[in-house]
N, C-alpha and C. Protein backbone atom coordinates (compact mmCIF):
# COMPACT_ATOMS: atom_id res chain seq x y z
N MET A 1 12.57 -18.32 14.78
CA MET A 1 13.67 -17.69 14.00
C MET A 1 14.42 -16.58 14.60
N THR A 2 15.36 -16.02 14.25
CA THR A 2 16.29 -14.82 14.51
C THR A 2 15.79 -13.53 13.76
N ARG A 3 15.80 -12.33 14.42
CA ARG A 3 15.47 -11.25 13.62
C ARG A 3 16.30 -11.19 12.23
N PRO A 4 17.32 -11.25 11.96
CA PRO A 4 17.78 -11.32 10.53
C PRO A 4 17.12 -12.36 9.64
N GLU A 5 16.79 -13.77 10.10
CA GLU A 5 16.27 -14.41 9.37
C GLU A 5 14.60 -14.12 8.73
N ILE A 6 14.25 -13.43 9.66
CA ILE A 6 12.73 -12.93 9.69
C ILE A 6 12.73 -11.71 8.52
N SER A 7 13.86 -10.93 8.84
CA SER A 7 13.96 -9.77 7.91
C SER A 7 14.47 -10.21 6.61
N GLU A 8 15.39 -11.24 6.44
CA GLU A 8 15.65 -11.62 4.98
C GLU A 8 14.05 -12.38 4.58
N LEU A 9 13.42 -13.08 5.50
CA LEU A 9 12.08 -13.81 4.63
C LEU A 9 11.20 -12.89 4.54
N MET A 10 11.22 -11.49 5.11
CA MET A 10 9.93 -10.60 4.57
C MET A 10 10.56 -9.91 3.46
N THR A 11 11.76 -9.73 3.23
CA THR A 11 12.22 -9.45 1.89
C THR A 11 11.80 -10.24 0.73
N ARG A 12 12.22 -11.57 0.74
CA ARG A 12 11.56 -12.48 -0.23
C ARG A 12 10.08 -12.38 -0.15
N VAL A 13 9.24 -12.14 0.89
CA VAL A 13 7.69 -12.18 0.55
C VAL A 13 7.41 -10.83 -0.37
N GLN A 14 8.25 -9.76 0.02
CA GLN A 14 7.75 -8.69 -0.67
C GLN A 14 8.54 -8.45 -2.16
N ASP A 15 9.34 -9.36 -2.31
CA ASP A 15 9.84 -9.68 -3.62
C ASP A 15 8.69 -10.60 -4.81
N ALA A 16 8.42 -11.81 -3.94
CA ALA A 16 7.18 -12.43 -4.59
C ALA A 16 5.91 -11.54 -4.84
N TRP A 17 5.65 -10.67 -3.93
CA TRP A 17 4.48 -10.06 -4.01
C TRP A 17 4.85 -8.90 -5.53
N LYS A 18 5.95 -8.56 -5.47
CA LYS A 18 6.06 -7.48 -6.58
C LYS A 18 6.08 -8.49 -7.89
N ARG A 19 6.63 -9.78 -8.08
CA ARG A 19 6.36 -10.71 -9.14
C ARG A 19 4.77 -11.28 -9.23
N HIS A 20 4.21 -10.74 -8.26
CA HIS A 20 2.54 -11.50 -8.29
C HIS A 20 2.80 -13.18 -8.21
N ASP A 21 3.66 -13.61 -7.39
CA ASP A 21 4.10 -15.04 -7.46
C ASP A 21 3.18 -15.87 -6.56
N VAL A 22 2.27 -16.28 -6.93
CA VAL A 22 1.20 -16.70 -6.06
C VAL A 22 1.64 -18.15 -5.25
N ALA A 23 2.69 -18.67 -6.25
CA ALA A 23 2.70 -20.34 -5.58
C ALA A 23 4.19 -19.68 -4.65
N THR A 24 4.72 -19.21 -4.74
CA THR A 24 5.80 -18.90 -3.68
C THR A 24 5.26 -17.95 -2.61
N LEU A 25 4.37 -17.25 -2.81
CA LEU A 25 3.62 -16.35 -1.76
C LEU A 25 3.12 -17.34 -0.99
N ALA A 26 2.07 -18.63 -1.52
CA ALA A 26 1.59 -19.40 -0.95
C ALA A 26 2.37 -20.38 -0.05
N ASP A 27 3.65 -20.47 -0.14
CA ASP A 27 4.43 -21.50 0.29
C ASP A 27 5.05 -20.95 1.39
N PHE A 28 5.13 -19.49 1.65
CA PHE A 28 5.87 -18.74 2.91
C PHE A 28 4.52 -19.20 4.01
N HIS A 29 3.45 -19.72 3.98
CA HIS A 29 2.51 -19.82 4.83
C HIS A 29 2.52 -21.07 5.27
N ALA A 30 2.22 -21.52 6.54
CA ALA A 30 2.40 -22.89 6.96
C ALA A 30 1.14 -23.65 6.13
N GLU A 31 1.26 -25.22 6.31
CA GLU A 31 0.23 -25.50 5.29
C GLU A 31 -1.26 -25.59 6.11
N ASP A 32 -0.89 -25.40 7.61
CA ASP A 32 -2.56 -25.16 8.01
C ASP A 32 -2.61 -23.69 8.43
N GLY A 33 -1.87 -22.70 7.75
CA GLY A 33 -1.92 -21.28 8.05
C GLY A 33 -3.35 -20.68 7.66
N VAL A 34 -3.26 -19.53 8.50
CA VAL A 34 -4.50 -18.74 8.66
C VAL A 34 -4.26 -17.04 7.95
N VAL A 35 -5.02 -16.95 6.96
CA VAL A 35 -4.80 -15.46 6.70
C VAL A 35 -6.38 -14.66 6.90
N GLU A 36 -6.53 -13.61 7.52
CA GLU A 36 -7.67 -13.02 8.06
C GLU A 36 -7.55 -11.83 7.01
N SER A 37 -8.48 -11.57 6.37
CA SER A 37 -8.62 -10.38 5.24
C SER A 37 -9.97 -10.11 4.88
N PRO A 38 -10.21 -8.72 4.64
CA PRO A 38 -11.81 -8.38 4.14
C PRO A 38 -11.87 -9.24 2.73
N PHE A 39 -10.62 -9.16 2.00
CA PHE A 39 -10.63 -9.52 0.65
C PHE A 39 -11.03 -11.32 0.41
N ALA A 40 -10.75 -11.92 1.61
CA ALA A 40 -10.71 -13.25 1.58
C ALA A 40 -12.11 -13.39 1.99
N GLY A 41 -12.76 -12.49 2.43
CA GLY A 41 -14.48 -12.78 2.79
C GLY A 41 -14.20 -13.33 4.20
N GLY A 42 -13.14 -12.89 5.22
CA GLY A 42 -13.00 -13.30 6.56
C GLY A 42 -11.59 -13.91 6.57
N VAL A 43 -11.79 -15.28 6.51
CA VAL A 43 -10.39 -16.02 6.91
C VAL A 43 -10.09 -17.17 5.89
N ALA A 44 -9.18 -17.25 5.47
CA ALA A 44 -8.74 -18.12 4.69
C ALA A 44 -7.88 -19.02 5.40
N ARG A 45 -8.08 -20.65 5.46
CA ARG A 45 -7.30 -21.57 6.11
C ARG A 45 -6.67 -22.40 5.23
N GLY A 46 -5.42 -22.78 5.40
CA GLY A 46 -4.85 -23.39 4.50
C GLY A 46 -3.92 -23.05 3.36
N ARG A 47 -3.22 -23.63 2.95
CA ARG A 47 -2.05 -22.84 2.11
C ARG A 47 -2.85 -22.95 0.71
N GLU A 48 -3.78 -23.64 0.58
CA GLU A 48 -4.28 -23.87 -1.00
C GLU A 48 -5.57 -22.51 -0.96
N ALA A 49 -6.11 -22.72 0.03
CA ALA A 49 -7.00 -21.34 0.30
C ALA A 49 -6.56 -20.06 0.37
N ILE A 50 -5.05 -19.88 0.85
CA ILE A 50 -4.65 -18.61 1.02
C ILE A 50 -4.04 -18.29 -0.24
N GLY A 51 -3.31 -19.19 -1.22
CA GLY A 51 -2.99 -19.11 -2.48
C GLY A 51 -3.99 -18.53 -3.39
N LYS A 52 -5.16 -18.95 -2.98
CA LYS A 52 -6.48 -18.70 -3.91
C LYS A 52 -6.97 -17.01 -3.58
N VAL A 53 -6.36 -16.52 -2.35
CA VAL A 53 -6.89 -15.31 -2.00
C VAL A 53 -5.70 -14.29 -2.69
N TYR A 54 -4.41 -14.80 -2.68
CA TYR A 54 -3.68 -14.00 -3.74
C TYR A 54 -3.84 -13.96 -5.17
N GLN A 55 -4.30 -14.97 -5.62
CA GLN A 55 -4.76 -14.89 -7.13
C GLN A 55 -5.96 -14.18 -7.45
N ALA A 56 -6.97 -14.44 -6.49
CA ALA A 56 -7.93 -13.41 -6.77
C ALA A 56 -7.64 -12.02 -6.51
N PHE A 57 -6.71 -11.63 -5.61
CA PHE A 57 -6.32 -10.27 -5.62
C PHE A 57 -5.60 -9.68 -7.07
N PHE A 58 -4.42 -10.43 -7.15
CA PHE A 58 -3.70 -10.15 -8.44
C PHE A 58 -4.61 -10.51 -9.73
N HIS A 59 -5.38 -11.15 -9.89
CA HIS A 59 -6.62 -11.20 -11.08
C HIS A 59 -7.36 -9.66 -11.06
N ALA A 60 -7.97 -9.38 -9.87
CA ALA A 60 -8.45 -7.98 -9.93
C ALA A 60 -7.79 -6.79 -10.35
N PHE A 61 -6.64 -6.97 -9.68
CA PHE A 61 -5.72 -5.78 -9.88
C PHE A 61 -4.34 -6.20 -10.62
N PRO A 62 -4.24 -6.62 -11.57
CA PRO A 62 -3.29 -7.11 -12.44
C PRO A 62 -1.85 -6.09 -12.16
N ASP A 63 -2.02 -4.74 -12.10
CA ASP A 63 -0.84 -4.34 -12.00
C ASP A 63 -0.66 -3.79 -10.50
N VAL A 64 -1.10 -4.23 -9.52
CA VAL A 64 -1.17 -3.87 -8.19
C VAL A 64 0.31 -3.87 -7.73
N THR A 65 0.62 -3.04 -6.90
CA THR A 65 2.00 -2.71 -6.06
C THR A 65 1.99 -2.64 -4.72
N LEU A 66 2.79 -3.05 -4.11
CA LEU A 66 2.88 -2.95 -2.59
C LEU A 66 4.19 -2.09 -2.13
N GLU A 67 3.92 -1.14 -1.53
CA GLU A 67 5.18 -0.42 -1.31
C GLU A 67 5.12 -0.22 0.11
N ALA A 68 6.44 -0.91 0.61
CA ALA A 68 6.10 -1.16 2.16
C ALA A 68 7.18 -0.25 2.97
N ASP A 69 6.70 0.25 3.99
CA ASP A 69 7.75 0.56 4.98
C ASP A 69 8.97 -0.60 5.53
N GLU A 70 10.03 -0.46 6.27
CA GLU A 70 10.76 -1.30 6.94
C GLU A 70 9.96 -2.04 8.01
N PRO A 71 9.89 -3.40 7.87
CA PRO A 71 9.23 -4.34 8.79
C PRO A 71 9.66 -3.98 10.22
N LEU A 72 8.62 -3.80 10.95
CA LEU A 72 9.00 -3.96 12.41
C LEU A 72 8.72 -5.33 13.14
N ILE A 73 9.61 -5.88 13.67
CA ILE A 73 10.14 -7.10 14.20
C ILE A 73 10.15 -7.28 15.65
N ASP A 74 9.16 -7.89 16.32
CA ASP A 74 9.37 -8.28 17.51
C ASP A 74 9.20 -9.83 17.86
N GLY A 75 10.22 -10.42 18.29
CA GLY A 75 10.34 -11.80 18.49
C GLY A 75 9.83 -12.54 17.26
N ASP A 76 8.53 -13.21 17.15
CA ASP A 76 8.22 -14.15 16.10
C ASP A 76 6.91 -13.39 15.11
N ARG A 77 6.97 -11.78 15.74
CA ARG A 77 5.91 -11.26 14.94
C ARG A 77 6.38 -10.12 14.20
N VAL A 78 5.45 -9.77 13.23
CA VAL A 78 5.88 -8.86 12.21
C VAL A 78 5.26 -7.96 11.79
N VAL A 79 5.19 -6.53 12.01
CA VAL A 79 4.31 -5.70 11.22
C VAL A 79 4.52 -4.68 10.14
N LEU A 80 4.15 -4.93 9.17
CA LEU A 80 4.42 -4.29 7.90
C LEU A 80 3.22 -3.24 7.62
N ILE A 81 3.94 -2.04 7.56
CA ILE A 81 3.00 -0.99 7.10
C ILE A 81 3.30 -0.65 5.44
N ALA A 82 1.91 -0.56 4.69
CA ALA A 82 2.37 -0.41 3.29
C ALA A 82 1.34 0.46 2.72
N ARG A 83 1.39 0.64 1.48
CA ARG A 83 0.36 1.20 0.62
C ARG A 83 0.39 0.25 -0.56
N ILE A 84 -0.95 -0.15 -1.09
CA ILE A 84 -1.23 -0.75 -2.21
C ILE A 84 -2.06 0.05 -3.12
N SER A 85 -1.52 -0.06 -4.39
CA SER A 85 -2.04 0.59 -5.24
C SER A 85 -2.05 -0.26 -6.71
N GLY A 86 -3.08 -0.12 -7.47
CA GLY A 86 -3.07 -0.85 -8.53
C GLY A 86 -4.75 -0.44 -9.48
N THR A 87 -4.72 -1.11 -10.47
CA THR A 87 -6.21 -0.85 -11.35
C THR A 87 -7.02 -1.82 -11.29
N ASP A 88 -8.24 -1.73 -11.14
CA ASP A 88 -9.31 -2.65 -10.97
C ASP A 88 -9.47 -2.95 -12.76
N ARG A 89 -8.70 -4.06 -13.19
CA ARG A 89 -9.12 -4.53 -14.47
C ARG A 89 -9.34 -5.74 -14.39
N GLY A 90 -9.67 -6.56 -13.19
CA GLY A 90 -10.23 -8.15 -13.54
C GLY A 90 -11.52 -8.02 -12.67
N GLY A 91 -12.11 -7.03 -12.15
CA GLY A 91 -13.06 -7.23 -11.32
C GLY A 91 -12.82 -7.79 -10.11
N PHE A 92 -13.37 -6.65 -8.95
CA PHE A 92 -13.46 -6.70 -7.59
C PHE A 92 -14.55 -7.32 -7.22
N LEU A 93 -14.28 -8.63 -6.36
CA LEU A 93 -15.08 -9.20 -5.74
C LEU A 93 -16.37 -9.50 -6.42
N GLY A 94 -16.17 -10.03 -7.89
CA GLY A 94 -17.33 -10.44 -8.70
C GLY A 94 -17.81 -9.55 -9.44
N MET A 95 -17.64 -8.29 -9.44
CA MET A 95 -18.23 -7.20 -10.04
C MET A 95 -17.21 -7.20 -11.46
N HIS A 96 -18.12 -6.45 -12.29
CA HIS A 96 -17.35 -6.09 -13.57
C HIS A 96 -16.11 -5.08 -13.32
N PRO A 97 -15.06 -5.24 -14.16
CA PRO A 97 -13.76 -4.47 -13.88
C PRO A 97 -14.23 -3.08 -14.38
N THR A 98 -13.91 -2.16 -13.52
CA THR A 98 -14.22 -0.70 -13.67
C THR A 98 -12.92 0.19 -14.25
N GLY A 99 -11.77 -0.28 -14.46
CA GLY A 99 -10.81 0.60 -14.85
C GLY A 99 -10.38 1.58 -13.88
N ARG A 100 -10.91 1.66 -12.66
CA ARG A 100 -10.56 2.43 -11.61
C ARG A 100 -9.24 2.32 -11.00
N THR A 101 -8.47 3.13 -10.87
CA THR A 101 -7.20 2.96 -10.01
C THR A 101 -7.56 3.29 -8.61
N VAL A 102 -6.88 2.64 -7.65
CA VAL A 102 -7.22 2.48 -6.43
C VAL A 102 -5.81 2.64 -5.56
N SER A 103 -5.77 3.31 -4.52
CA SER A 103 -4.48 3.41 -3.65
C SER A 103 -5.01 3.40 -2.13
N PHE A 104 -4.70 2.59 -1.49
CA PHE A 104 -4.91 2.51 0.16
C PHE A 104 -3.93 2.10 1.04
N PRO A 105 -3.83 2.42 2.27
CA PRO A 105 -2.95 2.28 3.15
C PRO A 105 -3.27 0.90 3.99
N CYS A 106 -2.45 0.12 4.27
CA CYS A 106 -2.74 -1.05 4.70
C CYS A 106 -1.81 -1.40 5.95
N ILE A 107 -2.01 -2.37 6.78
CA ILE A 107 -1.25 -2.86 7.94
C ILE A 107 -1.33 -4.32 7.89
N LEU A 108 -0.09 -5.29 7.44
CA LEU A 108 -0.14 -6.57 7.48
C LEU A 108 0.58 -7.12 8.62
N LEU A 109 -0.19 -7.82 9.24
CA LEU A 109 0.40 -8.52 10.60
C LEU A 109 0.83 -10.01 10.67
N PHE A 110 2.08 -10.53 11.06
CA PHE A 110 2.46 -11.68 10.56
C PHE A 110 3.09 -12.42 11.95
N ASP A 111 2.26 -13.55 12.33
CA ASP A 111 3.09 -14.63 13.18
C ASP A 111 3.80 -15.91 12.41
N PHE A 112 4.84 -16.03 13.34
CA PHE A 112 5.68 -16.95 12.58
C PHE A 112 6.07 -17.84 13.32
N GLU A 113 5.76 -19.18 12.80
CA GLU A 113 6.22 -20.48 13.64
C GLU A 113 6.97 -21.33 12.82
N ASN A 114 8.08 -21.75 13.32
CA ASN A 114 9.04 -23.02 12.69
C ASN A 114 9.06 -22.32 11.03
N GLY A 115 9.51 -21.00 10.66
CA GLY A 115 10.15 -20.60 9.91
C GLY A 115 8.75 -20.25 8.66
N LEU A 116 7.72 -20.34 8.98
CA LEU A 116 6.64 -20.08 8.27
C LEU A 116 5.65 -19.32 8.79
N ILE A 117 4.87 -18.44 7.70
CA ILE A 117 3.75 -17.72 8.52
C ILE A 117 2.50 -18.51 8.82
N ALA A 118 2.40 -18.59 10.16
CA ALA A 118 1.41 -19.39 10.89
C ALA A 118 0.15 -18.57 10.67
N ARG A 119 0.17 -17.31 10.87
CA ARG A 119 -1.38 -16.18 10.81
C ARG A 119 -0.59 -14.98 10.15
N GLU A 120 -1.59 -14.46 9.33
CA GLU A 120 -1.55 -13.16 8.69
C GLU A 120 -2.64 -12.39 8.69
N ARG A 121 -2.77 -11.29 9.32
CA ARG A 121 -3.89 -10.37 9.60
C ARG A 121 -3.61 -9.06 8.68
N ARG A 122 -4.56 -8.98 7.43
CA ARG A 122 -4.40 -7.88 6.70
C ARG A 122 -5.84 -6.73 7.10
N ILE A 123 -5.06 -5.64 7.57
CA ILE A 123 -5.87 -4.67 7.75
C ILE A 123 -6.17 -3.57 6.75
N TYR A 124 -7.03 -3.07 6.38
CA TYR A 124 -6.97 -1.90 5.31
C TYR A 124 -8.45 -1.58 5.44
N ASP A 125 -8.63 -0.23 4.78
CA ASP A 125 -9.59 0.63 4.49
C ASP A 125 -10.77 -0.20 3.68
N PHE A 126 -11.39 -1.26 4.01
CA PHE A 126 -12.40 -1.94 2.83
C PHE A 126 -13.52 -1.06 2.26
N THR A 127 -13.99 -0.25 3.01
CA THR A 127 -14.89 0.76 2.73
C THR A 127 -14.35 1.80 1.59
N GLY A 128 -13.03 2.31 2.10
CA GLY A 128 -12.27 3.40 1.02
C GLY A 128 -11.92 2.33 -0.35
N LEU A 129 -11.66 1.23 -0.22
CA LEU A 129 -11.53 0.47 -1.43
C LEU A 129 -12.93 0.33 -2.31
N ALA A 130 -13.78 -0.02 -1.67
CA ALA A 130 -14.78 -0.33 -2.33
C ALA A 130 -15.57 0.98 -3.01
N LEU A 131 -15.36 2.07 -2.28
CA LEU A 131 -15.60 3.57 -2.78
C LEU A 131 -14.83 3.96 -4.23
N GLN A 132 -13.36 3.43 -4.11
CA GLN A 132 -12.61 3.92 -5.06
C GLN A 132 -13.14 2.79 -6.29
N VAL A 133 -13.39 1.72 -6.19
CA VAL A 133 -13.85 1.06 -7.23
C VAL A 133 -15.44 1.09 -7.89
N GLY A 134 -16.18 1.77 -7.03
CA GLY A 134 -17.65 2.21 -7.71
C GLY A 134 -18.34 1.22 -6.98
N ALA A 135 -17.95 -0.01 -5.85
CA ALA A 135 -18.72 -0.70 -5.51
C ALA A 135 -19.90 -0.14 -4.57
N ILE A 136 -19.59 0.84 -4.05
CA ILE A 136 -20.45 1.56 -3.06
C ILE A 136 -20.46 3.31 -3.72
N LYS A 137 -21.56 3.91 -3.21
CA LYS A 137 -21.55 5.11 -3.52
C LYS A 137 -22.09 6.03 -1.90
N VAL A 138 -21.34 7.22 -1.80
CA VAL A 138 -21.55 7.89 -0.95
C VAL A 138 -22.47 8.86 -1.27
N LYS A 139 -23.70 9.46 -0.73
CA LYS A 139 -24.32 10.60 -0.87
C LYS A 139 -23.72 11.82 -0.49
N PRO A 140 -23.48 13.02 -1.34
CA PRO A 140 -23.10 14.14 -0.78
C PRO A 140 -23.83 15.12 0.27
N VAL A 141 -23.04 15.57 1.35
CA VAL A 141 -23.83 16.03 2.23
C VAL A 141 -24.19 17.48 1.88
């Protein structure tokens, strides 16, 4: 893929994310694509499993937003630095909804093959997210 093609595809990915369009987001991934994410419990393999990760995230945080910087593109690889914000209304990782607002920085790394996302790695402060929704507590020092 050319740089302009990747840039245009990343715009479409971000637009689908804003609409919480699970089917479209899953279709951006290769049929045998991989998503590595703490929210996925490690690794989701295949378009159907990847769609379920998106669905679970949007269910847990139905008002979630992704505010991203300009993508960094190098060949068939992309780095997207972003901030995810939302409210825990659907329950995070099987917990009861807390109604708490979360906001955390994340880095999304994409590898493209044949015009699709072959691999996506989602890196974020999972512990900070768990603290914000009350899944874990910290003792004051």
